[in-house]
């Protein structure tokens, strides 16, 4: 993926594989057998997902710690 974040989100980011703009689509994230529904920026053709840094280092890292502590 390439491009940069904009105020409304990374809609200007283009999938390197398909050359299509990413769209905010519903998706599923799984970790240690637990599944979560989340809207993520994805390529509508190949399904490549962009996980923004804030999400990866924030909410996802917090959930990861909670699940590993169980």
N, C-alpha and C. Protein backbone atom coordinates (compact mmCIF):
# COMPACT_ATOMS: atom_id res chain seq x y z
N UNK A 1 0.85 -1.17 0.00
CA UNK A 1 0.00 0.00 0.00
C UNK A 1 0.89 1.23 0.00
N UNK A 2 0.42 2.28 -0.62
CA UNK A 2 1.19 3.51 -0.59
C UNK A 2 0.24 4.70 -0.47
N UNK A 3 0.78 5.86 -0.12
CA UNK A 3 -0.03 7.05 0.07
C UNK A 3 0.16 7.57 1.47
N UNK A 4 -0.71 8.51 1.85
CA UNK A 4 -0.61 9.05 3.20
C UNK A 4 -1.99 9.28 3.75
N UNK A 5 -2.08 9.34 5.08
CA UNK A 5 -3.37 9.56 5.73
C UNK A 5 -3.87 10.96 5.41
N UNK A 6 -5.19 11.07 5.30
CA UNK A 6 -5.82 12.37 5.13
C UNK A 6 -6.71 12.60 6.34
N UNK A 7 -7.26 13.77 6.46
CA UNK A 7 -8.09 14.09 7.62
C UNK A 7 -9.26 13.13 7.75
N UNK A 8 -9.85 12.69 6.64
CA UNK A 8 -10.99 11.80 6.68
C UNK A 8 -10.59 10.34 6.72
N UNK A 9 -9.33 10.02 6.67
CA UNK A 9 -8.87 8.64 6.66
C UNK A 9 -7.97 8.40 5.46
N UNK A 10 -7.46 7.20 5.35
CA UNK A 10 -6.49 6.91 4.29
C UNK A 10 -7.13 6.57 2.95
N UNK A 11 -8.21 7.27 2.57
CA UNK A 11 -8.89 6.96 1.32
C UNK A 11 -8.03 7.25 0.10
N UNK A 12 -6.97 8.03 0.26
CA UNK A 12 -6.09 8.30 -0.88
C UNK A 12 -4.99 7.25 -1.00
N UNK A 13 -4.99 6.26 -0.13
CA UNK A 13 -3.99 5.19 -0.21
C UNK A 13 -4.44 4.21 -1.28
N UNK A 14 -3.49 3.85 -2.13
CA UNK A 14 -3.75 2.98 -3.27
C UNK A 14 -3.10 1.62 -3.01
N UNK A 15 -3.83 0.54 -3.30
CA UNK A 15 -3.28 -0.81 -3.18
C UNK A 15 -2.24 -1.00 -4.28
N UNK A 16 -1.04 -1.39 -3.89
CA UNK A 16 0.04 -1.59 -4.86
C UNK A 16 -0.26 -2.76 -5.80
N UNK A 17 -0.99 -3.74 -5.31
CA UNK A 17 -1.30 -4.93 -6.11
C UNK A 17 -2.37 -4.63 -7.17
N UNK A 18 -3.43 -3.91 -6.78
CA UNK A 18 -4.60 -3.73 -7.65
C UNK A 18 -4.75 -2.32 -8.21
N UNK A 19 -4.00 -1.36 -7.64
CA UNK A 19 -4.10 0.04 -8.04
C UNK A 19 -5.50 0.62 -7.81
N UNK A 20 -6.16 0.18 -6.73
CA UNK A 20 -7.48 0.68 -6.36
C UNK A 20 -7.37 1.42 -5.03
N UNK A 21 -8.21 2.42 -4.85
CA UNK A 21 -8.27 3.14 -3.57
C UNK A 21 -8.87 2.24 -2.51
N UNK A 22 -8.35 2.36 -1.29
CA UNK A 22 -8.89 1.58 -0.19
C UNK A 22 -10.27 2.10 0.20
N UNK A 23 -11.11 1.20 0.71
CA UNK A 23 -12.44 1.56 1.18
C UNK A 23 -12.59 1.08 2.62
N UNK A 24 -13.37 1.81 3.40
CA UNK A 24 -13.63 1.42 4.78
C UNK A 24 -14.72 0.36 4.75
N UNK A 25 -14.33 -0.88 5.05
CA UNK A 25 -15.24 -2.03 4.95
C UNK A 25 -15.26 -2.81 6.25
N UNK A 26 -16.37 -3.48 6.55
CA UNK A 26 -16.41 -4.31 7.75
C UNK A 26 -15.49 -5.51 7.60
N UNK A 27 -14.80 -5.83 8.67
CA UNK A 27 -13.90 -6.98 8.64
C UNK A 27 -13.86 -7.67 9.99
N UNK A 28 -13.20 -8.80 10.02
CA UNK A 28 -13.06 -9.55 11.26
C UNK A 28 -11.57 -9.66 11.60
N UNK A 29 -11.27 -9.44 12.86
CA UNK A 29 -9.91 -9.58 13.37
C UNK A 29 -9.95 -10.72 14.37
N UNK A 30 -8.98 -11.63 14.28
CA UNK A 30 -8.95 -12.73 15.25
C UNK A 30 -7.58 -12.81 15.90
N UNK A 31 -7.60 -13.22 17.17
CA UNK A 31 -6.36 -13.36 17.94
C UNK A 31 -6.61 -14.35 19.07
N UNK A 32 -5.79 -15.37 19.16
CA UNK A 32 -5.90 -16.39 20.20
C UNK A 32 -7.31 -16.96 20.31
N UNK A 33 -7.93 -17.21 19.16
CA UNK A 33 -9.25 -17.82 19.14
C UNK A 33 -10.42 -16.88 19.35
N UNK A 34 -10.16 -15.63 19.64
CA UNK A 34 -11.24 -14.64 19.80
C UNK A 34 -11.37 -13.84 18.51
N UNK A 35 -12.62 -13.53 18.13
CA UNK A 35 -12.87 -12.78 16.91
C UNK A 35 -13.58 -11.48 17.25
N UNK A 36 -13.23 -10.43 16.51
CA UNK A 36 -13.79 -9.11 16.72
C UNK A 36 -14.18 -8.53 15.37
N UNK A 37 -15.34 -7.87 15.30
CA UNK A 37 -15.75 -7.17 14.09
C UNK A 37 -15.22 -5.74 14.17
N UNK A 38 -14.69 -5.27 13.06
CA UNK A 38 -14.10 -3.94 13.04
C UNK A 38 -14.14 -3.40 11.63
N UNK A 39 -14.40 -2.12 11.44
CA UNK A 39 -14.32 -1.49 10.13
C UNK A 39 -12.86 -1.13 9.87
N UNK A 40 -12.31 -1.66 8.77
CA UNK A 40 -10.91 -1.43 8.42
C UNK A 40 -10.79 -1.00 6.97
N UNK A 41 -9.72 -0.25 6.67
CA UNK A 41 -9.45 0.17 5.30
C UNK A 41 -8.94 -1.04 4.53
N UNK A 42 -9.65 -1.38 3.43
CA UNK A 42 -9.31 -2.57 2.66
C UNK A 42 -9.37 -2.27 1.17
N UNK A 43 -8.62 -3.07 0.40
CA UNK A 43 -8.72 -3.04 -1.04
C UNK A 43 -9.98 -3.81 -1.43
N UNK A 44 -10.87 -3.21 -2.22
CA UNK A 44 -12.11 -3.90 -2.58
C UNK A 44 -11.88 -5.08 -3.52
N UNK A 45 -10.71 -5.15 -4.17
CA UNK A 45 -10.43 -6.25 -5.09
C UNK A 45 -9.74 -7.42 -4.42
N UNK A 46 -8.57 -7.20 -3.83
CA UNK A 46 -7.78 -8.31 -3.29
C UNK A 46 -7.99 -8.52 -1.79
N UNK A 47 -8.61 -7.54 -1.10
CA UNK A 47 -8.87 -7.69 0.32
C UNK A 47 -7.71 -7.32 1.23
N UNK A 48 -6.61 -6.82 0.69
CA UNK A 48 -5.48 -6.39 1.51
C UNK A 48 -5.98 -5.34 2.51
N UNK A 49 -5.58 -5.48 3.78
CA UNK A 49 -6.09 -4.63 4.85
C UNK A 49 -4.99 -3.71 5.36
N UNK A 50 -5.36 -2.47 5.62
CA UNK A 50 -4.46 -1.51 6.25
C UNK A 50 -4.89 -1.36 7.70
N UNK A 51 -4.01 -1.69 8.62
CA UNK A 51 -4.28 -1.47 10.04
C UNK A 51 -3.52 -0.21 10.44
N UNK A 52 -4.23 0.89 10.70
CA UNK A 52 -3.57 2.13 11.07
C UNK A 52 -2.73 1.96 12.34
N UNK A 53 -1.65 2.68 12.42
CA UNK A 53 -0.73 2.58 13.55
C UNK A 53 -1.44 2.82 14.88
N UNK A 54 -2.35 3.80 14.91
CA UNK A 54 -3.06 4.11 16.15
C UNK A 54 -3.86 2.90 16.64
N UNK A 55 -4.46 2.18 15.72
CA UNK A 55 -5.25 1.00 16.08
C UNK A 55 -4.34 -0.14 16.52
N UNK A 56 -3.26 -0.36 15.78
CA UNK A 56 -2.35 -1.46 16.09
C UNK A 56 -1.66 -1.26 17.44
N UNK A 57 -1.25 -0.06 17.73
CA UNK A 57 -0.52 0.21 18.97
C UNK A 57 -1.44 0.57 20.13
N UNK A 58 -2.68 0.86 19.83
CA UNK A 58 -3.64 1.26 20.86
C UNK A 58 -4.58 0.13 21.22
N UNK A 59 -5.74 0.14 20.60
CA UNK A 59 -6.81 -0.81 20.94
C UNK A 59 -6.39 -2.26 20.73
N UNK A 60 -5.74 -2.57 19.61
CA UNK A 60 -5.35 -3.96 19.34
C UNK A 60 -4.31 -4.44 20.34
N UNK A 61 -3.37 -3.61 20.69
CA UNK A 61 -2.34 -3.99 21.66
C UNK A 61 -2.97 -4.22 23.04
N UNK A 62 -3.95 -3.39 23.38
CA UNK A 62 -4.64 -3.54 24.67
C UNK A 62 -5.41 -4.87 24.72
N UNK A 63 -6.14 -5.19 23.66
CA UNK A 63 -6.89 -6.45 23.61
C UNK A 63 -5.93 -7.63 23.62
N UNK A 64 -4.82 -7.52 22.92
CA UNK A 64 -3.80 -8.58 22.90
C UNK A 64 -3.29 -8.86 24.31
N UNK A 65 -2.98 -7.82 25.06
CA UNK A 65 -2.49 -7.99 26.43
C UNK A 65 -3.56 -8.65 27.30
N UNK A 66 -4.82 -8.21 27.17
CA UNK A 66 -5.90 -8.79 27.98
C UNK A 66 -6.10 -10.27 27.67
N UNK A 67 -6.05 -10.64 26.40
CA UNK A 67 -6.24 -12.04 26.03
C UNK A 67 -5.08 -12.91 26.47
N UNK A 68 -3.87 -12.38 26.40
CA UNK A 68 -2.70 -13.17 26.81
C UNK A 68 -2.65 -13.36 28.31
N UNK A 69 -3.24 -12.42 29.06
CA UNK A 69 -3.23 -12.52 30.52
C UNK A 69 -4.27 -13.51 31.05
N UNK A 70 -5.21 -13.92 30.20
CA UNK A 70 -6.25 -14.86 30.63
C UNK A 70 -5.68 -16.21 30.97
